[in-house]
């Protein structure tokens, strides 16, 4: 599996190492590794915002090429959606 070789190259979470608590981004690298291996459910369980973040970044990249109408509004709404998902999952993670 690719995940086993990617695991050796993942960056450690500085917040977790210094403070002993997860940060809002903890799990993103592992989630991307799960996506690369095709395990979408495990990716979602690891980091629920991974798919909406990918959608946001793909939209931004495509928008650079085609410059859609109302792109600023779409990007800001996708960003708000991502921040909301990240914060809700972070709060659930630290309270459980």
C-alpha atoms as a PDB file:
ATOM      1  CA  UNK A   1       0.000   0.000   0.000  1.00  0.00           C
ATOM      2  CA  UNK A   2       1.086   3.524  -0.713  1.00  0.00           C
ATOM      3  CA  UNK A   3      -0.104   4.674   2.748  1.00  0.00           C
ATOM      4  CA  UNK A   4       2.679   2.774   4.493  1.00  0.00           C
ATOM      5  CA  UNK A   5       5.382   4.543   2.485  1.00  0.00           C
ATOM      6  CA  UNK A   6       3.663   7.966   2.778  1.00  0.00           C
ATOM      7  CA  UNK A   7       3.456   7.560   6.546  1.00  0.00           C
ATOM      8  CA  UNK A   8       7.231   7.833   6.773  1.00  0.00           C
ATOM      9  CA  UNK A   9       7.140  11.324   5.203  1.00  0.00           C
ATOM     10  CA  UNK A  10       4.299  12.941   7.151  1.00  0.00           C
ATOM     11  CA  UNK A  11       4.991  16.053   9.177  1.00  0.00           C
ATOM     12  CA  UNK A  12       4.359  15.809  12.918  1.00  0.00           C
ATOM     13  CA  UNK A  13       1.801  18.105  14.520  1.00  0.00           C
ATOM     14  CA  UNK A  14       3.688  20.739  16.471  1.00  0.00           C
ATOM     15  CA  UNK A  15       0.644  21.496  18.648  1.00  0.00           C
ATOM     16  CA  UNK A  16       0.279  17.853  19.583  1.00  0.00           C
ATOM     17  CA  UNK A  17       3.993  17.481  20.332  1.00  0.00           C
ATOM     18  CA  UNK A  18       4.315  20.634  22.436  1.00  0.00           C
ATOM     19  CA  UNK A  19       0.893  20.941  24.068  1.00  0.00           C
ATOM     20  CA  UNK A  20      -0.401  17.389  23.857  1.00  0.00           C
ATOM     21  CA  UNK A  21      -3.627  18.421  22.086  1.00  0.00           C
ATOM     22  CA  UNK A  22      -4.758  18.060  18.491  1.00  0.00           C
ATOM     23  CA  UNK A  23      -4.947  21.120  16.274  1.00  0.00           C
ATOM     24  CA  UNK A  24      -7.811  21.799  13.819  1.00  0.00           C
ATOM     25  CA  UNK A  25      -5.628  20.424  11.006  1.00  0.00           C
ATOM     26  CA  UNK A  26      -4.678  17.152  12.690  1.00  0.00           C
ATOM     27  CA  UNK A  27      -5.565  14.237  10.454  1.00  0.00           C
ATOM     28  CA  UNK A  28      -5.434  16.076   7.134  1.00  0.00           C
ATOM     29  CA  UNK A  29      -2.232  14.389   5.923  1.00  0.00           C
ATOM     30  CA  UNK A  30      -3.448  10.927   6.871  1.00  0.00           C
ATOM     31  CA  UNK A  31      -6.797  11.683   5.251  1.00  0.00           C
ATOM     32  CA  UNK A  32      -5.084  12.596   1.975  1.00  0.00           C
ATOM     33  CA  UNK A  33      -3.064   9.386   2.204  1.00  0.00           C
ATOM     34  CA  UNK A  34      -6.314   7.423   2.597  1.00  0.00           C
ATOM     35  CA  UNK A  35      -7.714   9.158  -0.509  1.00  0.00           C
ATOM     36  CA  UNK A  36      -4.592   8.234  -2.479  1.00  0.00           C
ATOM     37  CA  UNK A  37      -5.133   4.620  -1.392  1.00  0.00           C
ATOM     38  CA  UNK A  38      -8.805   4.809  -2.375  1.00  0.00           C
ATOM     39  CA  UNK A  39     -10.281   4.507   1.115  1.00  0.00           C
ATOM     40  CA  UNK A  40     -12.723   7.413   0.987  1.00  0.00           C
ATOM     41  CA  UNK A  41     -14.666   6.467   4.109  1.00  0.00           C
ATOM     42  CA  UNK A  42     -11.513   6.285   6.220  1.00  0.00           C
ATOM     43  CA  UNK A  43     -10.447   9.647   4.756  1.00  0.00           C
ATOM     44  CA  UNK A  44     -13.753  11.215   5.808  1.00  0.00           C
ATOM     45  CA  UNK A  45     -13.564   9.708   9.289  1.00  0.00           C
ATOM     46  CA  UNK A  46      -9.992  10.937   9.701  1.00  0.00           C
ATOM     47  CA  UNK A  47     -10.700  14.514   8.544  1.00  0.00           C
ATOM     48  CA  UNK A  48     -14.303  15.352   7.572  1.00  0.00           C
ATOM     49  CA  UNK A  49     -13.430  18.568   5.716  1.00  0.00           C
ATOM     50  CA  UNK A  50     -11.053  16.869   3.286  1.00  0.00           C
ATOM     51  CA  UNK A  51     -13.530  16.633   0.399  1.00  0.00           C
ATOM     52  CA  UNK A  52     -14.823  20.184   0.692  1.00  0.00           C
ATOM     53  CA  UNK A  53     -11.226  21.439   0.920  1.00  0.00           C
ATOM     54  CA  UNK A  54     -10.369  19.574  -2.270  1.00  0.00           C
ATOM     55  CA  UNK A  55     -13.465  21.080  -3.901  1.00  0.00           C
ATOM     56  CA  UNK A  56     -12.386  24.567  -2.794  1.00  0.00           C
ATOM     57  CA  UNK A  57      -8.836  24.195  -4.116  1.00  0.00           C
ATOM     58  CA  UNK A  58      -9.996  22.660  -7.410  1.00  0.00           C
ATOM     59  CA  UNK A  59     -12.486  25.497  -7.882  1.00  0.00           C
ATOM     60  CA  UNK A  60      -9.791  28.097  -7.166  1.00  0.00           C
ATOM     61  CA  UNK A  61      -7.428  26.482  -9.688  1.00  0.00           C
ATOM     62  CA  UNK A  62     -10.108  26.176 -12.375  1.00  0.00           C
ATOM     63  CA  UNK A  63     -11.202  29.752 -11.681  1.00  0.00           C
ATOM     64  CA  UNK A  64      -7.656  30.983 -12.332  1.00  0.00           C
ATOM     65  CA  UNK A  65      -7.954  29.574 -15.849  1.00  0.00           C
ATOM     66  CA  UNK A  66     -11.587  30.424 -16.707  1.00  0.00           C
ATOM     67  CA  UNK A  67     -12.472  33.318 -14.341  1.00  0.00           C
ATOM     68  CA  UNK A  68     -16.094  32.472 -13.523  1.00  0.00           C
ATOM     69  CA  UNK A  69     -18.763  35.042 -12.698  1.00  0.00           C
ATOM     70  CA  UNK A  70     -19.482  35.324  -8.960  1.00  0.00           C
ATOM     71  CA  UNK A  71     -16.313  33.373  -8.193  1.00  0.00           C
ATOM     72  CA  UNK A  72     -15.506  35.516  -5.148  1.00  0.00           C
ATOM     73  CA  UNK A  73     -18.894  34.711  -3.650  1.00  0.00           C
ATOM     74  CA  UNK A  74     -18.515  30.985  -4.368  1.00  0.00           C
ATOM     75  CA  UNK A  75     -14.985  30.886  -2.948  1.00  0.00           C
ATOM     76  CA  UNK A  76     -15.999  32.758   0.201  1.00  0.00           C
ATOM     77  CA  UNK A  77     -18.976  30.454   0.775  1.00  0.00           C
ATOM     78  CA  UNK A  78     -16.843  27.361   0.249  1.00  0.00           C
ATOM     79  CA  UNK A  79     -14.267  28.792   2.663  1.00  0.00           C
ATOM     80  CA  UNK A  80     -16.943  29.449   5.296  1.00  0.00           C
ATOM     81  CA  UNK A  81     -18.290  25.921   4.796  1.00  0.00           C
ATOM     82  CA  UNK A  82     -14.791  24.496   5.266  1.00  0.00           C
ATOM     83  CA  UNK A  83     -14.073  26.552   8.367  1.00  0.00           C
ATOM     84  CA  UNK A  84     -17.405  25.470   9.846  1.00  0.00           C
ATOM     85  CA  UNK A  85     -16.752  21.783   9.159  1.00  0.00           C
ATOM     86  CA  UNK A  86     -13.186  22.018  10.483  1.00  0.00           C
ATOM     87  CA  UNK A  87     -14.238  23.755  13.711  1.00  0.00           C
ATOM     88  CA  UNK A  88     -17.201  21.446  14.377  1.00  0.00           C
ATOM     89  CA  UNK A  89     -15.086  18.326  13.834  1.00  0.00           C
ATOM     90  CA  UNK A  90     -12.296  19.822  15.970  1.00  0.00           C
ATOM     91  CA  UNK A  91     -14.715  20.539  18.829  1.00  0.00           C
ATOM     92  CA  UNK A  92     -16.137  17.030  18.587  1.00  0.00           C
ATOM     93  CA  UNK A  93     -12.610  15.555  18.557  1.00  0.00           C
ATOM     94  CA  UNK A  94     -11.408  17.433  21.652  1.00  0.00           C
ATOM     95  CA  UNK A  95     -14.561  16.768  23.671  1.00  0.00           C
ATOM     96  CA  UNK A  96     -14.652  13.010  23.054  1.00  0.00           C
END
